[in-house]
N, C-alpha and C. Protein backbone atom coordinates (compact mmCIF):
# COMPACT_ATOMS: atom_id res chain seq x y z
N UNK A 1 1.64 -0.32 -15.55
CA UNK A 1 1.44 1.00 -15.06
C UNK A 1 2.66 1.30 -14.44
N UNK A 2 3.37 2.41 -15.04
CA UNK A 2 4.75 2.90 -14.66
C UNK A 2 4.85 3.69 -13.33
N UNK A 3 5.68 3.78 -12.64
CA UNK A 3 5.97 4.30 -11.34
C UNK A 3 5.42 6.00 -11.24
N UNK A 4 5.53 6.74 -12.55
CA UNK A 4 5.05 8.22 -12.64
C UNK A 4 3.32 8.20 -12.63
N UNK A 5 2.77 7.25 -13.26
CA UNK A 5 1.30 6.83 -13.35
C UNK A 5 0.82 6.43 -12.14
N UNK A 6 1.48 5.43 -11.55
CA UNK A 6 1.31 5.15 -9.97
C UNK A 6 0.94 6.27 -9.04
N UNK A 7 2.16 7.19 -9.01
CA UNK A 7 2.13 8.39 -8.10
C UNK A 7 1.00 9.37 -8.48
N UNK A 8 0.70 9.45 -9.60
CA UNK A 8 -0.20 10.38 -10.14
C UNK A 8 -1.56 10.20 -9.72
N UNK A 9 -2.09 8.48 -10.00
CA UNK A 9 -3.05 8.12 -9.32
C UNK A 9 -3.12 8.19 -7.84
N UNK A 10 -1.98 8.01 -7.26
CA UNK A 10 -2.24 8.17 -5.80
C UNK A 10 -2.44 9.55 -5.18
N UNK A 11 -1.89 10.33 -5.99
CA UNK A 11 -2.02 12.14 -5.83
C UNK A 11 -3.66 12.43 -6.10
N UNK A 12 -4.12 11.79 -7.31
CA UNK A 12 -5.65 12.34 -7.54
C UNK A 12 -6.37 11.70 -6.28
N UNK A 13 -6.37 10.41 -6.05
CA UNK A 13 -7.35 9.71 -5.10
C UNK A 13 -7.13 10.26 -3.58
N UNK A 14 -5.70 10.74 -3.36
CA UNK A 14 -5.53 11.14 -1.86
C UNK A 14 -5.64 12.56 -1.76
N UNK A 15 -5.60 13.44 -3.03
CA UNK A 15 -6.02 14.95 -2.95
C UNK A 15 -4.73 15.54 -2.61
N UNK A 16 -3.54 15.00 -2.94
CA UNK A 16 -2.13 15.86 -2.69
C UNK A 16 -1.66 16.13 -3.64
N UNK A 17 -0.38 16.67 -3.67
CA UNK A 17 0.63 16.78 -4.75
C UNK A 17 1.51 15.80 -4.93
N UNK A 18 2.22 15.59 -5.77
CA UNK A 18 2.98 14.23 -6.13
C UNK A 18 4.03 14.09 -5.06
N UNK A 19 4.76 15.16 -4.47
CA UNK A 19 5.36 14.84 -3.60
C UNK A 19 4.89 14.13 -2.20
N UNK A 20 3.81 14.44 -1.96
CA UNK A 20 2.93 14.12 -0.86
C UNK A 20 2.72 12.38 -1.05
N UNK A 21 2.19 12.56 -2.59
CA UNK A 21 1.56 11.20 -2.96
C UNK A 21 3.00 10.05 -2.77
N UNK A 22 3.96 10.88 -3.12
CA UNK A 22 5.55 9.74 -3.23
C UNK A 22 5.70 9.11 -1.76
N UNK A 23 5.57 10.26 -0.58
CA UNK A 23 5.65 10.12 0.56
C UNK A 23 4.49 9.17 1.09
N UNK A 24 3.40 9.13 1.00
CA UNK A 24 2.25 8.40 1.02
C UNK A 24 2.51 6.78 0.63
N UNK A 25 2.92 6.78 -0.68
CA UNK A 25 3.13 5.53 -1.35
C UNK A 25 4.30 4.91 -0.70
N UNK A 26 5.39 5.54 -0.28
CA UNK A 26 6.57 4.80 0.53
C UNK A 26 6.08 4.50 1.90
N UNK A 27 5.35 4.98 2.64
CA UNK A 27 4.90 4.72 4.20
C UNK A 27 3.77 3.57 4.13
N UNK A 28 3.08 3.48 3.03
CA UNK A 28 1.80 2.47 2.98
C UNK A 28 2.85 1.19 2.38
N UNK A 29 3.60 1.29 1.42
CA UNK A 29 4.41 0.25 0.94
C UNK A 29 5.06 -0.22 2.00
N UNK A 30 5.86 0.35 2.87
CA UNK A 30 6.79 -0.13 4.03
C UNK A 30 5.80 -1.06 4.95
N UNK A 31 4.77 -0.31 5.38
CA UNK A 31 3.94 -0.86 6.54
C UNK A 31 3.08 -2.16 5.92
N UNK A 32 3.01 -1.91 4.74
CA UNK A 32 2.10 -3.29 4.14
C UNK A 32 3.13 -4.50 3.81
N UNK A 33 4.30 -4.18 3.40
CA UNK A 33 5.32 -5.30 3.21
C UNK A 33 5.72 -5.74 4.17
N UNK A 34 5.71 -4.85 5.33
CA UNK A 34 6.11 -5.51 6.72
C UNK A 34 4.94 -6.37 7.49
N UNK A 35 3.68 -6.44 7.21
CA UNK A 35 2.59 -7.01 7.48
C UNK A 35 2.59 -8.37 6.67
N UNK A 36 3.27 -8.45 5.70
CA UNK A 36 3.10 -9.86 5.10
C UNK A 36 4.22 -10.45 5.09
N UNK A 37 4.24 -11.98 4.69
CA UNK A 37 5.86 -12.52 4.74
C UNK A 37 6.58 -12.16 3.81
N UNK A 38 7.84 -12.37 4.07
CA UNK A 38 8.93 -12.00 3.29
C UNK A 38 8.98 -12.65 1.74
N UNK A 39 8.65 -13.96 1.80
CA UNK A 39 8.26 -14.55 0.48
C UNK A 39 7.13 -13.78 -0.20
N UNK A 40 6.34 -13.34 0.40
CA UNK A 40 4.88 -12.94 -0.45
C UNK A 40 5.57 -11.53 -0.62
N UNK A 41 6.38 -10.79 0.20
CA UNK A 41 6.52 -9.42 -0.30
C UNK A 41 7.61 -9.47 -1.57
N UNK A 42 8.07 -10.48 -1.67
CA UNK A 42 9.06 -10.60 -2.86
C UNK A 42 8.33 -11.01 -3.91
N UNK A 43 7.23 -11.70 -4.07
CA UNK A 43 6.27 -11.91 -5.08
C UNK A 43 5.43 -10.78 -5.65
N UNK A 44 5.08 -9.78 -4.40
CA UNK A 44 4.40 -8.67 -4.95
C UNK A 44 5.39 -7.86 -5.58
N UNK A 45 6.75 -7.71 -4.94
CA UNK A 45 7.90 -6.76 -5.81
C UNK A 45 7.87 -7.14 -7.39
N UNK A 46 8.04 -8.62 -7.42
CA UNK A 46 8.35 -8.97 -8.80
C UNK A 46 7.20 -8.63 -9.98
N UNK A 47 5.95 -8.51 -9.23
CA UNK A 47 5.04 -7.53 -9.99
C UNK A 47 4.93 -6.28 -10.33
N UNK A 48 5.74 -5.54 -9.95
CA UNK A 48 5.96 -4.00 -10.08
C UNK A 48 6.74 -3.45 -10.80
N UNK A 49 6.71 -2.69 -11.34
CA UNK A 49 7.72 -1.78 -12.19
C UNK A 49 8.96 -1.63 -11.21
N UNK A 50 10.25 -1.55 -11.80
CA UNK A 50 11.44 -1.46 -11.16
C UNK A 50 11.42 -0.29 -10.30
N UNK A 51 11.10 0.88 -10.40
CA UNK A 51 11.09 2.15 -9.59
C UNK A 51 10.11 1.99 -8.31
N UNK A 52 9.07 1.00 -8.65
CA UNK A 52 8.14 0.81 -7.70
C UNK A 52 8.93 -0.01 -6.68
N UNK A 53 9.45 -1.18 -7.31
CA UNK A 53 10.43 -2.39 -6.66
C UNK A 53 11.19 -1.67 -5.62
N UNK A 54 11.71 -0.62 -5.79
CA UNK A 54 12.67 -0.04 -4.87
C UNK A 54 12.22 0.49 -3.82
N UNK A 55 11.06 1.47 -3.85
CA UNK A 55 10.15 1.57 -2.66
C UNK A 55 9.71 0.61 -1.92
N UNK A 56 8.98 -0.25 -2.59
CA UNK A 56 8.62 -1.54 -1.92
C UNK A 56 9.64 -2.35 -1.01
N UNK A 57 10.85 -2.40 -1.69
CA UNK A 57 12.07 -3.14 -1.12
C UNK A 57 12.85 -2.51 0.10
N UNK A 58 12.66 -1.12 -0.30
CA UNK A 58 13.65 -0.33 0.60
C UNK A 58 13.24 -0.94 2.29
N UNK A 59 14.45 -1.20 2.89
CA UNK A 59 14.58 -1.72 4.33
C UNK A 59 14.04 -3.24 4.56
N UNK A 60 14.05 -3.79 3.39
CA UNK A 60 13.59 -5.45 3.58
C UNK A 60 14.82 -6.20 3.66
N UNK A 61 14.59 -7.07 4.51
CA UNK A 61 15.45 -8.21 4.85
C UNK A 61 14.59 -9.45 4.87
N UNK A 62 15.21 -10.44 4.43
CA UNK A 62 14.20 -11.96 4.28
C UNK A 62 14.04 -12.70 5.40
N UNK A 63 14.84 -12.64 6.59
CA UNK A 63 14.57 -13.33 7.88
C UNK A 63 13.70 -12.54 8.91
N UNK A 64 12.89 -11.26 8.28
CA UNK A 64 12.31 -10.46 9.30
C UNK A 64 11.14 -11.38 9.66
N UNK A 65 10.32 -11.12 10.96
CA UNK A 65 8.83 -11.52 11.45
C UNK A 65 8.00 -10.73 10.80
N UNK A 66 6.82 -11.01 10.59
CA UNK A 66 5.46 -10.43 10.06
C UNK A 66 5.34 -9.56 11.28
N UNK A 67 5.05 -8.07 10.69
CA UNK A 67 4.53 -7.19 11.71
C UNK A 67 3.05 -7.24 12.03
N UNK A 68 2.52 -7.53 13.32
CA UNK A 68 0.97 -8.04 13.22
C UNK A 68 0.30 -6.71 13.71
N UNK A 69 0.29 -5.94 12.60
CA UNK A 69 -0.28 -4.61 12.87
C UNK A 69 -1.90 -4.57 12.55
N UNK A 70 -2.54 -3.80 13.31
CA UNK A 70 -4.35 -3.85 12.79
C UNK A 70 -4.33 -2.49 12.19
N UNK A 71 -5.48 -2.20 11.78
CA UNK A 71 -5.86 -0.99 10.97
C UNK A 71 -5.18 0.38 11.93
N UNK A 72 -5.75 0.50 13.01
CA UNK A 72 -5.45 1.80 13.79
C UNK A 72 -4.11 2.07 13.85
N UNK A 73 -3.33 1.13 14.06
CA UNK A 73 -1.82 1.26 14.13
C UNK A 73 -1.00 1.26 12.96
N UNK A 74 -1.70 0.60 11.64
CA UNK A 74 -1.40 0.78 10.31
C UNK A 74 -1.35 2.22 10.01
N UNK A 75 -2.55 2.67 9.86
CA UNK A 75 -2.86 4.09 9.66
C UNK A 75 -1.85 5.05 10.27
N UNK A 76 -1.99 5.01 11.49
CA UNK A 76 -1.19 5.94 12.28
C UNK A 76 0.11 5.83 11.72
N UNK A 77 0.75 4.65 11.62
CA UNK A 77 2.21 4.72 11.35
C UNK A 77 2.62 5.43 9.92
N UNK A 78 1.67 4.87 9.09
CA UNK A 78 1.53 5.77 7.88
C UNK A 78 1.27 7.17 7.96
N UNK A 79 0.46 7.66 8.71
CA UNK A 79 0.55 9.20 9.09
C UNK A 79 1.58 9.78 9.54
N UNK A 80 2.31 8.97 10.64
CA UNK A 80 3.73 9.28 10.88
C UNK A 80 4.72 9.82 10.01
N UNK A 81 4.77 8.37 9.35
CA UNK A 81 6.05 8.06 8.20
C UNK A 81 5.83 9.09 6.95
N UNK A 82 4.63 9.50 6.87
CA UNK A 82 4.44 10.27 5.61
C UNK A 82 4.40 11.98 6.06
N UNK A 83 4.45 12.08 7.43
CA UNK A 83 4.26 13.46 7.69
C UNK A 83 2.90 13.92 7.83
N UNK A 84 1.97 13.10 8.07
CA UNK A 84 0.43 13.75 7.32
C UNK A 84 -0.03 14.57 8.64
N UNK A 85 -0.51 15.46 8.60
CA UNK A 85 -1.45 16.29 9.80
C UNK A 85 -2.29 15.76 10.76
N UNK A 86 -3.20 14.68 10.05
CA UNK A 86 -4.21 14.16 10.90
C UNK A 86 -4.42 12.76 10.13
N UNK A 87 -5.09 12.37 10.87
CA UNK A 87 -5.55 10.71 10.81
C UNK A 87 -6.77 10.26 9.44
N UNK A 88 -7.52 11.63 8.87
CA UNK A 88 -8.10 11.32 7.84
C UNK A 88 -7.36 11.29 6.78
N UNK A 89 -6.35 12.37 6.63
CA UNK A 89 -5.12 12.36 5.55
C UNK A 89 -4.51 10.90 5.27
N UNK A 90 -4.18 10.15 6.71
CA UNK A 90 -3.56 9.09 6.56
C UNK A 90 -4.65 7.84 6.00
N UNK A 91 -5.87 8.11 6.39
CA UNK A 91 -7.03 6.91 5.92
C UNK A 91 -6.86 7.03 4.43
N UNK A 92 -7.07 8.38 4.06
CA UNK A 92 -7.33 8.64 2.58
C UNK A 92 -6.13 8.12 1.65
N UNK A 93 -4.73 8.42 2.51
CA UNK A 93 -3.56 7.97 1.81
C UNK A 93 -3.49 6.36 1.92
N UNK A 94 -3.82 5.47 2.76
CA UNK A 94 -3.87 4.20 2.66
C UNK A 94 -4.72 3.84 1.60
N UNK A 95 -6.20 4.13 1.32
CA UNK A 95 -7.07 3.64 0.81
C UNK A 95 -6.67 3.95 -0.93
N UNK A 96 -6.02 5.14 -1.12
CA UNK A 96 -5.45 5.58 -2.32
C UNK A 96 -4.34 4.47 -3.07
N UNK A 97 -3.18 4.39 -1.89
CA UNK A 97 -2.49 3.36 -2.38
C UNK A 97 -2.79 1.95 -2.29
N UNK A 98 -3.66 1.56 -1.61
CA UNK A 98 -4.26 0.41 -1.87
C UNK A 98 -5.04 0.00 -3.10
N UNK A 99 -5.87 1.03 -3.50
CA UNK A 99 -6.59 1.15 -4.88
C UNK A 99 -5.76 0.89 -6.00
N UNK A 100 -4.62 1.62 -5.80
CA UNK A 100 -3.69 2.09 -7.15
C UNK A 100 -2.85 0.75 -7.05
N UNK A 101 -2.46 0.14 -6.02
CA UNK A 101 -1.51 -1.17 -6.03
C UNK A 101 -2.22 -2.12 -6.63
N UNK A 102 -3.63 -2.61 -6.28
CA UNK A 102 -4.63 -3.32 -6.52
C UNK A 102 -4.51 -3.35 -8.17
N UNK A 103 -4.67 -2.05 -8.78
CA UNK A 103 -4.61 -1.93 -10.24
C UNK A 103 -3.28 -2.43 -10.64
N UNK A 104 -2.18 -1.96 -10.18
CA UNK A 104 -0.88 -2.29 -10.46
C UNK A 104 -0.39 -3.78 -10.76
N UNK A 105 -1.37 -4.31 -9.79
CA UNK A 105 -0.96 -5.84 -9.70
C UNK A 105 -2.06 -6.49 -10.82
N UNK A 106 -2.92 -5.79 -11.36
CA UNK A 106 -3.77 -6.53 -12.43
C UNK A 106 -5.18 -6.88 -11.74
N UNK A 107 -5.60 -6.38 -10.49
CA UNK A 107 -6.66 -6.73 -10.04
C UNK A 107 -7.90 -5.77 -9.84
N UNK A 108 -8.89 -5.90 -10.23
CA UNK A 108 -10.01 -5.00 -10.08
C UNK A 108 -10.80 -4.84 -9.05
N UNK A 109 -10.76 -5.90 -8.12
CA UNK A 109 -11.59 -6.34 -6.94
C UNK A 109 -10.67 -6.14 -5.79
N UNK A 110 -9.42 -6.51 -5.86
CA UNK A 110 -8.46 -6.60 -4.58
C UNK A 110 -8.30 -8.12 -4.41
N UNK A 111 -9.00 -9.05 -5.08
CA UNK A 111 -8.97 -10.29 -4.69
C UNK A 111 -8.48 -11.49 -5.69
N UNK A 112 -7.80 -11.04 -6.85
CA UNK A 112 -7.45 -11.74 -7.88
C UNK A 112 -5.85 -11.93 -7.91
N UNK A 113 -5.07 -12.86 -8.16
CA UNK A 113 -3.86 -12.85 -8.31
C UNK A 113 -3.14 -12.68 -7.25
N UNK A 114 -2.09 -11.81 -7.37
CA UNK A 114 -0.85 -11.44 -6.30
C UNK A 114 -1.74 -10.46 -5.31
N UNK A 115 -2.96 -9.76 -5.90
CA UNK A 115 -3.64 -9.02 -4.88
C UNK A 115 -4.36 -10.07 -3.74
N UNK A 116 -4.76 -11.22 -4.39
CA UNK A 116 -5.44 -11.97 -3.05
C UNK A 116 -4.46 -12.59 -2.42
N UNK A 117 -3.15 -12.72 -2.72
CA UNK A 117 -2.09 -13.13 -1.74
C UNK A 117 -2.03 -12.28 -0.70
N UNK A 118 -1.99 -10.82 -0.94
CA UNK A 118 -1.83 -9.74 0.04
C UNK A 118 -3.13 -9.93 0.85
N UNK A 119 -4.03 -9.81 0.30
CA UNK A 119 -5.68 -9.73 1.11
C UNK A 119 -5.48 -10.99 2.05
N UNK A 120 -4.95 -12.08 1.82
CA UNK A 120 -5.13 -13.58 2.47
C UNK A 120 -4.57 -13.26 3.94
N UNK A 121 -3.46 -12.32 4.03
CA UNK A 121 -2.31 -12.23 5.04
C UNK A 121 -2.98 -10.92 6.05
N UNK A 122 -3.95 -10.32 5.64
CA UNK A 122 -4.54 -9.24 6.19
C UNK A 122 -5.21 -9.86 7.56
N UNK A 123 -5.29 -8.96 8.56
CA UNK A 123 -6.33 -9.03 9.49
C UNK A 123 -7.61 -8.64 8.95
N UNK A 124 -8.76 -8.96 9.55
CA UNK A 124 -9.96 -8.67 9.21
C UNK A 124 -10.37 -7.16 8.99
N UNK A 125 -9.74 -6.33 9.92
CA UNK A 125 -9.94 -4.92 9.86
C UNK A 125 -9.32 -4.08 8.58
N UNK A 126 -8.05 -4.69 8.16
CA UNK A 126 -7.49 -3.87 7.00
C UNK A 126 -7.93 -4.74 5.78
N UNK A 127 -8.64 -6.10 5.92
CA UNK A 127 -9.21 -6.73 4.85
C UNK A 127 -10.23 -5.81 4.19
N UNK A 128 -10.85 -5.39 5.23
CA UNK A 128 -12.05 -4.28 4.72
C UNK A 128 -11.72 -3.04 4.10
N UNK A 129 -10.70 -2.57 4.80
CA UNK A 129 -9.83 -1.57 4.01
C UNK A 129 -9.38 -1.53 2.51
N UNK A 130 -8.69 -3.10 2.45
CA UNK A 130 -8.16 -3.29 1.11
C UNK A 130 -9.41 -3.38 0.27
N UNK A 131 -10.49 -4.09 0.47
CA UNK A 131 -11.68 -4.39 -0.36
C UNK A 131 -12.40 -2.87 -0.60
N UNK A 132 -12.63 -2.13 0.18
CA UNK A 132 -13.41 -0.84 0.29
C UNK A 132 -12.63 0.15 -0.73
N UNK A 133 -11.27 0.06 -0.72
CA UNK A 133 -10.53 1.16 -1.23
C UNK A 133 -10.95 1.49 -2.67
N UNK A 134 -11.25 0.74 -3.57
CA UNK A 134 -11.82 1.16 -4.74
C UNK A 134 -13.13 2.07 -4.69
N UNK A 135 -14.18 1.57 -3.85
CA UNK A 135 -15.32 2.31 -3.63
C UNK A 135 -15.01 3.94 -3.31
N UNK A 136 -13.68 3.79 -2.25
CA UNK A 136 -13.61 5.41 -1.89
C UNK A 136 -12.96 6.20 -2.98
N UNK A 137 -12.04 5.55 -3.80
CA UNK A 137 -11.15 6.13 -4.75
C UNK A 137 -11.17 5.16 -6.22
N UNK A 138 -12.53 5.72 -7.06
CA UNK A 138 -12.63 4.84 -8.22
C UNK A 138 -11.67 5.42 -9.17
């Protein structure tokens, strides 16, 4: 999957235009990347097409601490950084990016390969969102 296809899928799933999908993707990537270890973040980046690697690795530095966010804060941060008008749009955006990222990583359920490695580092509440993202956005 290339970057254009990724953004198109996020736009369709989130019910937004391409610009909005790009903003949501960037916000989710930043929040998710900060929620996992720097080593795992590099592993994820290596699985993505070049253009998505740039979005994923923006503001990354190797000696950072893992940000211990849970679902409410995670979604609120995505909404803020993507300039979304309400929490429902942020929730829909998070699920859209999660589902599309899992596909880009070659996972149909969110628990194979690199997707499993992300899943294993999430708290229970975000694990539920990660696993249910395909149900909400087939």
